[in-house]
């Protein structure tokens, strides 16, 4: 009997077009829009080498050549003066440098812009360093070797710490998957309504059938969970394999978190559907309000709200299922350990069990004077 009810409810969920739109079509459309909007966002900080030409570079000496090469700023073409002028006029380079002596250069550009300013700053810095070294060596020839070594030595005072895989836009897609998980609450609420005799004639017929109400509810909730989890898998697969968003190597953990999120979401919806003693539309309104409020507190609408809550009321982050799903994704992305991840999954599972227990005790006490 359980599997017959499960199969019927699963087929019924497949035929609900409105549910399909909000849980599957809408996230797919939104993820595509995210991809179109953020596809080039990570390239903002990438620096492309500036194309320049150097005419008569042999007059400048090996020191100037080495400085150009080690700067990492330029893509250099070594040409004669006429070829450099031609490249500049055709727009193939940003500027060219005419070398007249070891410390005598002239820069030619077509316009004054950011990249052209970098070329000028490099030449000014080289001239300054060359003049300083020349004066020091002239006053103290024995220090020539130390001066040359000092100028060629590169020092850095910044240590780069690894944090995630460098793709900041993946956080938007994690938030989208978290939203899909929590939207499963609508199915949980709907399944409870379908076994409450005062909500519909269909529910009344279920209550007078020989099947145990708890068995009907468990089969229906199981069908809703499997359905929503498959929907989440489809959205995740679309984001990873079609949009080619890199989630890293933790796909197994992502799927486990999705399952925990779906379980908590469906259980939350079922509890609200059981506890609220009002018509169906009122219950759905309460559920949507709670979901939106949780989403707001987790930072899905206002990015800084997540940090405001963690700073001023950190306990709210641990009782908000939306925030727990998002933080679980963040922990996979940013942290080297899985301590926070497993804590969030455990809390989501505990929430799902608690919500399910409340739903069970409320439903088993519901009796009707007449059906």
Protein backbone atom coordinates (compact mmCIF):
# COMPACT_ATOMS: atom_id res chain seq x y z
CA UNK A 1 0.00 0.00 0.00
CA UNK A 2 2.82 2.41 0.91
CA UNK A 3 4.51 2.05 -2.49
CA UNK A 4 1.21 2.36 -4.35
CA UNK A 5 0.49 5.67 -2.60
CA UNK A 6 4.10 6.76 -3.15
CA UNK A 7 3.85 6.03 -6.88
CA UNK A 8 0.53 7.84 -7.27
CA UNK A 9 1.75 10.92 -5.40
CA UNK A 10 4.98 11.01 -7.42
CA UNK A 11 3.03 10.88 -10.69
CA UNK A 12 0.75 13.62 -9.39
CA UNK A 13 3.75 15.85 -8.62
CA UNK A 14 5.06 15.36 -12.14
CA UNK A 15 1.77 16.71 -13.52
CA UNK A 16 1.76 19.91 -11.42
CA UNK A 17 2.85 22.53 -13.95
CA UNK A 18 2.97 25.45 -11.50
CA UNK A 19 5.20 23.49 -9.15
CA UNK A 20 7.49 22.56 -12.02
CA UNK A 21 7.86 26.18 -13.01
CA UNK A 22 8.82 27.55 -9.59
CA UNK A 23 11.06 24.66 -8.52
CA UNK A 24 12.68 23.79 -11.86
CA UNK A 25 12.06 26.22 -14.74
CA UNK A 26 12.49 29.39 -12.66
CA UNK A 27 15.86 28.34 -11.13
CA UNK A 28 17.12 27.28 -14.57
CA UNK A 29 16.15 30.62 -16.06
CA UNK A 30 17.63 32.51 -13.11
CA UNK A 31 20.90 30.55 -13.25
CA UNK A 32 21.17 31.33 -16.97
CA UNK A 33 20.67 35.03 -16.25
CA UNK A 34 23.33 34.81 -13.52
CA UNK A 35 25.69 33.21 -16.02
CA UNK A 36 25.11 35.91 -18.62
CA UNK A 37 25.51 38.67 -16.04
CA UNK A 38 28.55 37.28 -14.20
CA UNK A 39 30.40 35.32 -16.90
CA UNK A 40 33.08 38.00 -17.31
CA UNK A 41 33.10 39.19 -13.70
CA UNK A 42 36.21 37.21 -12.78
CA UNK A 43 38.12 38.75 -15.67
CA UNK A 44 37.88 42.24 -14.19
CA UNK A 45 40.98 41.75 -12.05
CA UNK A 46 42.97 40.03 -14.79
CA UNK A 47 45.77 42.18 -16.20
CA UNK A 48 46.61 41.90 -19.88
CA UNK A 49 50.13 42.80 -20.85
CA UNK A 50 50.45 46.13 -22.64
CA UNK A 51 51.62 45.87 -26.23
CA UNK A 52 54.51 48.22 -26.95
CA UNK A 53 57.36 48.50 -29.42
CA UNK A 54 60.95 49.44 -28.65
CA UNK A 55 62.95 51.07 -31.43
CA UNK A 56 66.76 50.78 -31.48
CA UNK A 57 66.80 48.80 -28.22
CA UNK A 58 70.50 48.00 -28.64
CA UNK A 59 71.30 51.62 -27.74
CA UNK A 60 69.69 51.16 -24.30
CA UNK A 61 71.78 48.19 -23.27
CA UNK A 62 71.01 44.88 -21.57
CA UNK A 63 69.83 46.52 -18.34
CA UNK A 64 66.85 48.16 -20.00
CA UNK A 65 65.96 44.93 -21.79
CA UNK A 66 66.06 43.01 -18.51
CA UNK A 67 63.92 45.64 -16.77
CA UNK A 68 61.25 45.41 -19.48
CA UNK A 69 61.27 41.62 -19.38
CA UNK A 70 61.16 41.29 -15.57
CA UNK A 71 58.45 43.89 -15.07
CA UNK A 72 55.75 41.53 -16.39
CA UNK A 73 53.85 44.57 -17.68
CA UNK A 74 54.61 44.59 -21.38
CA UNK A 75 54.45 42.52 -24.52
CA UNK A 76 57.46 43.94 -26.34
CA UNK A 77 58.15 44.05 -30.06
CA UNK A 78 61.70 45.08 -30.93
CA UNK A 79 61.64 46.97 -34.24
CA UNK A 80 63.19 49.87 -36.05
CA UNK A 81 61.75 53.37 -35.76
CA UNK A 82 59.69 53.27 -38.99
CA UNK A 83 58.06 49.94 -38.12
CA UNK A 84 57.23 51.19 -34.60
CA UNK A 85 55.50 54.27 -36.07
CA UNK A 86 53.49 52.02 -38.40
CA UNK A 87 52.38 49.71 -35.57
CA UNK A 88 51.23 52.69 -33.52
CA UNK A 89 49.30 54.29 -36.37
CA UNK A 90 47.51 50.99 -37.08
CA UNK A 91 46.54 50.64 -33.40
CA UNK A 92 48.49 47.40 -32.89
CA UNK A 93 50.43 48.83 -29.93
CA UNK A 94 49.70 51.35 -27.19
CA UNK A 95 52.96 53.20 -27.69
CA UNK A 96 56.56 52.88 -28.70
CA UNK A 97 59.81 53.83 -27.01
CA UNK A 98 62.66 55.34 -29.00
CA UNK A 99 65.98 54.53 -27.37
CA UNK A 100 68.71 57.14 -27.78
CA UNK A 101 71.07 56.21 -24.95
CA UNK A 102 71.29 54.01 -21.84
CA UNK A 103 69.17 56.50 -19.91
CA UNK A 104 67.64 58.58 -22.69
CA UNK A 105 64.24 57.43 -23.96
CA UNK A 106 61.35 59.10 -25.71
CA UNK A 107 57.81 57.75 -25.49
CA UNK A 108 55.26 58.17 -28.30
CA UNK A 109 51.54 57.43 -27.82
CA UNK A 110 48.33 58.28 -29.64
CA UNK A 111 46.31 59.12 -26.53
CA UNK A 112 46.73 59.59 -22.80
CA UNK A 113 45.00 56.69 -21.07
CA UNK A 114 45.54 54.17 -18.28
CA UNK A 115 47.86 51.86 -20.20
CA UNK A 116 49.85 54.72 -21.67
CA UNK A 117 50.29 56.13 -18.15
CA UNK A 118 51.74 52.79 -17.00
CA UNK A 119 54.36 52.94 -19.77
CA UNK A 120 55.37 56.48 -18.72
CA UNK A 121 55.53 55.53 -15.03
CA UNK A 122 57.78 52.58 -15.88
CA UNK A 123 60.17 54.80 -17.85
CA UNK A 124 60.24 57.44 -15.09
CA UNK A 125 60.97 54.75 -12.49
CA UNK A 126 63.74 53.26 -14.61
CA UNK A 127 65.34 56.68 -15.21
CA UNK A 128 65.24 57.45 -11.49
CA UNK A 129 66.78 54.10 -10.51
CA UNK A 130 69.43 54.38 -13.22
CA UNK A 131 70.43 57.92 -12.18
CA UNK A 132 70.61 56.96 -8.50
CA UNK A 133 72.75 53.92 -9.25
CA UNK A 134 75.00 55.97 -11.51
CA UNK A 135 75.63 58.59 -8.81
CA UNK A 136 76.32 55.97 -6.11
CA UNK A 137 78.74 54.06 -8.29
CA UNK A 138 80.50 57.29 -9.34
CA UNK A 139 81.08 58.26 -5.71
CA UNK A 140 81.96 54.74 -4.55
CA UNK A 141 83.02 52.39 -7.39
CA UNK A 142 83.54 49.49 -4.96
CA UNK A 143 79.79 49.38 -4.30
CA UNK A 144 78.87 48.74 -7.93
CA UNK A 145 78.16 45.05 -7.43
CA UNK A 146 76.00 45.64 -4.34
CA UNK A 147 74.03 48.40 -6.10
CA UNK A 148 73.34 46.22 -9.12
CA UNK A 149 72.23 43.30 -6.92
CA UNK A 150 70.00 45.58 -4.87
CA UNK A 151 68.25 46.94 -7.97
CA UNK A 152 67.71 43.48 -9.42
CA UNK A 153 66.40 41.96 -6.19
CA UNK A 154 62.60 41.70 -5.92
CA UNK A 155 61.01 41.88 -2.47
CA UNK A 156 57.39 41.30 -1.51
CA UNK A 157 55.72 41.86 1.85
CA UNK A 158 52.38 40.23 1.03
CA UNK A 159 51.58 36.55 1.51
CA UNK A 160 48.73 35.21 -0.58
CA UNK A 161 46.55 32.78 1.38
CA UNK A 162 44.44 30.27 -0.59
CA UNK A 163 40.70 30.87 -0.25
CA UNK A 164 38.38 28.86 -2.45
CA UNK A 165 39.15 28.28 -6.12
CA UNK A 166 39.23 31.99 -7.01
CA UNK A 167 35.78 32.12 -8.62
CA UNK A 168 33.64 34.58 -6.67
CA UNK A 169 30.55 34.15 -8.87
CA UNK A 170 30.06 30.55 -7.70
CA UNK A 171 28.56 31.96 -4.48
CA UNK A 172 25.56 33.28 -6.44
CA UNK A 173 24.88 29.80 -7.79
CA UNK A 174 25.25 28.27 -4.32
CA UNK A 175 22.61 30.72 -3.08
CA UNK A 176 20.35 29.74 -5.96
CA UNK A 177 20.63 26.02 -5.11
CA UNK A 178 19.89 26.87 -1.46
CA UNK A 179 16.73 28.65 -2.61
CA UNK A 180 15.64 25.56 -4.57
CA UNK A 181 16.12 23.41 -1.46
CA UNK A 182 13.99 25.68 0.71
CA UNK A 183 11.28 26.01 -1.94
CA UNK A 184 10.57 22.34 -1.25
CA UNK A 185 8.67 23.55 1.81
CA UNK A 186 5.69 24.28 -0.44
CA UNK A 187 5.43 20.56 -1.25
CA UNK A 188 5.56 19.65 2.43
CA UNK A 189 2.73 22.04 3.23
CA UNK A 190 0.72 20.81 0.25
CA UNK A 191 1.03 17.15 1.30
CA UNK A 192 -0.27 17.95 4.79
CA UNK A 193 -3.23 19.87 3.37
CA UNK A 194 -4.10 16.87 1.21
CA UNK A 195 -4.78 14.72 4.30
CA UNK A 196 -6.68 17.33 6.33
CA UNK A 197 -10.37 16.56 5.87
CA UNK A 198 -11.51 20.15 6.44
CA UNK A 199 -9.35 21.47 3.57
CA UNK A 200 -10.76 19.63 0.54
CA UNK A 201 -13.13 16.86 -0.56
CA UNK A 202 -10.11 14.82 -1.69
CA UNK A 203 -8.65 15.00 1.83
CA UNK A 204 -12.03 14.00 3.26
CA UNK A 205 -12.09 10.85 1.09
CA UNK A 206 -8.54 9.99 2.22
CA UNK A 207 -9.60 10.26 5.88
CA UNK A 208 -12.50 7.82 5.47
CA UNK A 209 -10.40 5.34 3.46
CA UNK A 210 -9.09 2.19 5.22
CA UNK A 211 -5.50 3.38 4.77
CA UNK A 212 -3.84 4.73 7.91
CA UNK A 213 -3.48 8.51 7.74
CA UNK A 214 0.13 8.39 8.93
CA UNK A 215 1.02 5.87 6.22
CA UNK A 216 -0.57 8.10 3.58
CA UNK A 217 1.33 11.10 4.92
CA UNK A 218 4.70 9.31 5.02
CA UNK A 219 4.26 8.01 1.47
CA UNK A 220 3.29 11.48 0.23
CA UNK A 221 6.17 13.21 2.02
CA UNK A 222 8.63 10.62 0.71
CA UNK A 223 7.40 11.20 -2.84
CA UNK A 224 7.74 14.97 -2.37
CA UNK A 225 11.27 14.61 -1.00
CA UNK A 226 12.45 12.34 -3.84
CA UNK A 227 10.82 14.62 -6.41
CA UNK A 228 12.36 17.81 -5.00
CA UNK A 229 15.77 16.18 -4.58
CA UNK A 230 15.75 15.14 -8.24
CA UNK A 231 14.76 18.68 -9.20
CA UNK A 232 17.72 19.98 -7.18
CA UNK A 233 20.01 17.51 -8.92
CA UNK A 234 18.79 18.71 -12.33
CA UNK A 235 19.44 22.34 -11.41
CA UNK A 236 22.89 21.48 -10.02
CA UNK A 237 23.77 19.40 -13.11
CA UNK A 238 22.63 22.21 -15.42
CA UNK A 239 24.79 24.75 -13.58
CA UNK A 240 27.84 22.47 -13.55
CA UNK A 241 27.75 20.72 -16.93
CA UNK A 242 25.84 23.16 -19.16
CA UNK A 243 26.88 26.52 -17.74
CA UNK A 244 30.24 24.97 -16.73
CA UNK A 245 30.41 26.63 -13.34
CA UNK A 246 33.25 25.13 -11.34
CA UNK A 247 32.03 23.79 -7.98
CA UNK A 248 35.39 22.27 -7.14
CA UNK A 249 35.86 18.61 -6.25
CA UNK A 250 33.25 18.40 -3.48
CA UNK A 251 30.21 17.40 -5.54
CA UNK A 252 29.39 14.51 -3.20
CA UNK A 253 29.26 16.86 -0.23
CA UNK A 254 27.15 19.33 -2.23
CA UNK A 255 24.59 16.60 -2.99
CA UNK A 256 24.50 15.57 0.68
CA UNK A 257 23.88 19.18 1.69
CA UNK A 258 21.12 19.46 -0.94
CA UNK A 259 19.45 16.35 0.49
CA UNK A 260 19.63 17.76 4.03
CA UNK A 261 18.28 21.11 2.82
CA UNK A 262 15.37 19.48 0.98
CA UNK A 263 14.53 17.36 4.03
CA UNK A 264 14.54 20.40 6.33
CA UNK A 265 12.52 22.44 3.82
CA UNK A 266 9.81 19.81 3.31
CA UNK A 267 9.58 19.17 7.06
CA UNK A 268 9.25 22.91 7.72
CA UNK A 269 6.42 23.20 5.20
CA UNK A 270 4.66 20.16 6.66
CA UNK A 271 4.88 21.56 10.18
CA UNK A 272 3.44 24.93 9.15
CA UNK A 273 0.67 23.15 7.26
CA UNK A 274 -0.19 21.09 10.34
CA UNK A 275 0.14 23.80 13.03
CA UNK A 276 -1.66 26.68 11.28
CA UNK A 277 -5.44 26.13 11.66
CA UNK A 278 -6.55 28.19 8.70
CA UNK A 279 -7.60 27.65 5.05
CA UNK A 280 -5.05 26.57 2.45
CA UNK A 281 -4.33 30.03 1.02
CA UNK A 282 -3.59 31.40 4.48
CA UNK A 283 -1.16 28.54 5.21
CA UNK A 284 0.65 29.10 1.92
CA UNK A 285 0.86 32.82 2.72
CA UNK A 286 2.39 32.11 6.13
CA UNK A 287 4.87 29.67 4.57
CA UNK A 288 5.93 32.11 1.85
CA UNK A 289 6.37 34.87 4.45
CA UNK A 290 8.52 32.65 6.67
CA UNK A 291 10.63 31.50 3.71
CA UNK A 292 11.19 35.05 2.47
CA UNK A 293 12.08 36.22 5.99
CA UNK A 294 14.61 33.40 6.42
CA UNK A 295 16.05 34.16 2.98
CA UNK A 296 16.43 37.83 3.88
CA UNK A 297 18.25 37.00 7.12
CA UNK A 298 20.62 34.67 5.26
CA UNK A 299 21.73 37.40 2.86
CA UNK A 300 20.05 36.18 -0.32
CA UNK A 301 18.46 39.63 -0.81
CA UNK A 302 20.91 41.92 1.00
CA UNK A 303 24.42 40.60 0.96
CA UNK A 304 25.61 42.31 4.17
CA UNK A 305 22.63 41.07 6.21
CA UNK A 306 24.37 37.71 6.65
CA UNK A 307 27.30 39.39 8.38
CA UNK A 308 25.05 41.72 10.39
CA UNK A 309 23.22 38.70 11.82
CA UNK A 310 26.47 36.85 12.59
CA UNK A 311 27.84 39.89 14.38
CA UNK A 312 24.78 40.96 16.38
CA UNK A 313 22.66 37.79 16.71
CA UNK A 314 24.75 34.74 15.74
CA UNK A 315 22.19 32.33 17.24
CA UNK A 316 19.76 33.24 14.44
CA UNK A 317 22.18 31.82 11.89
CA UNK A 318 21.90 28.39 13.53
CA UNK A 319 18.09 28.27 13.59
CA UNK A 320 17.62 29.55 10.04
CA UNK A 321 17.56 26.63 7.56
CA UNK A 322 18.23 28.93 4.59
CA UNK A 323 21.31 30.34 6.28
CA UNK A 324 22.50 26.84 7.20
CA UNK A 325 22.33 25.68 3.58
CA UNK A 326 24.16 28.80 2.34
CA UNK A 327 26.82 28.55 5.06
CA UNK A 328 27.30 24.89 4.20
CA UNK A 329 28.11 25.83 0.63
CA UNK A 330 30.37 28.67 1.78
CA UNK A 331 32.27 26.34 4.09
CA UNK A 332 32.93 23.95 1.20
CA UNK A 333 34.19 26.84 -0.88
CA UNK A 334 36.32 28.73 1.65
CA UNK A 335 37.41 26.32 4.39
CA UNK A 336 40.06 23.61 4.25
CA UNK A 337 38.26 21.49 6.86
CA UNK A 338 34.74 20.05 6.93
CA UNK A 339 33.94 20.85 10.57
CA UNK A 340 31.52 23.69 9.79
CA UNK A 341 30.01 21.75 6.89
CA UNK A 342 29.14 18.67 8.96
CA UNK A 343 27.84 20.90 11.77
CA UNK A 344 25.41 22.57 9.34
CA UNK A 345 24.31 19.25 7.83
CA UNK A 346 23.73 17.83 11.32
CA UNK A 347 21.65 20.86 12.37
CA UNK A 348 19.58 20.64 9.17
CA UNK A 349 18.93 16.94 9.78
CA UNK A 350 18.00 17.63 13.42
CA UNK A 351 15.63 20.39 12.30
CA UNK A 352 14.00 18.05 9.81
CA UNK A 353 13.49 15.41 12.50
CA UNK A 354 12.11 17.99 14.96
CA UNK A 355 9.72 19.49 12.40
CA UNK A 356 8.56 16.00 11.39
CA UNK A 357 7.93 15.03 15.03
CA UNK A 358 5.84 18.18 15.62
CA UNK A 359 3.88 17.46 12.44
CA UNK A 360 3.22 13.88 13.52
CA UNK A 361 1.95 14.78 17.00
CA UNK A 362 -0.29 17.51 15.61
CA UNK A 363 -1.77 15.35 12.86
CA UNK A 364 -2.43 12.31 15.06
CA UNK A 365 -4.54 14.48 17.40
CA UNK A 366 -6.67 15.99 14.64
CA UNK A 367 -10.21 14.60 14.70
CA UNK A 368 -13.32 15.69 12.85
CA UNK A 369 -16.89 15.67 14.16
CA UNK A 370 -18.14 14.99 10.66
CA UNK A 371 -16.66 14.51 7.20
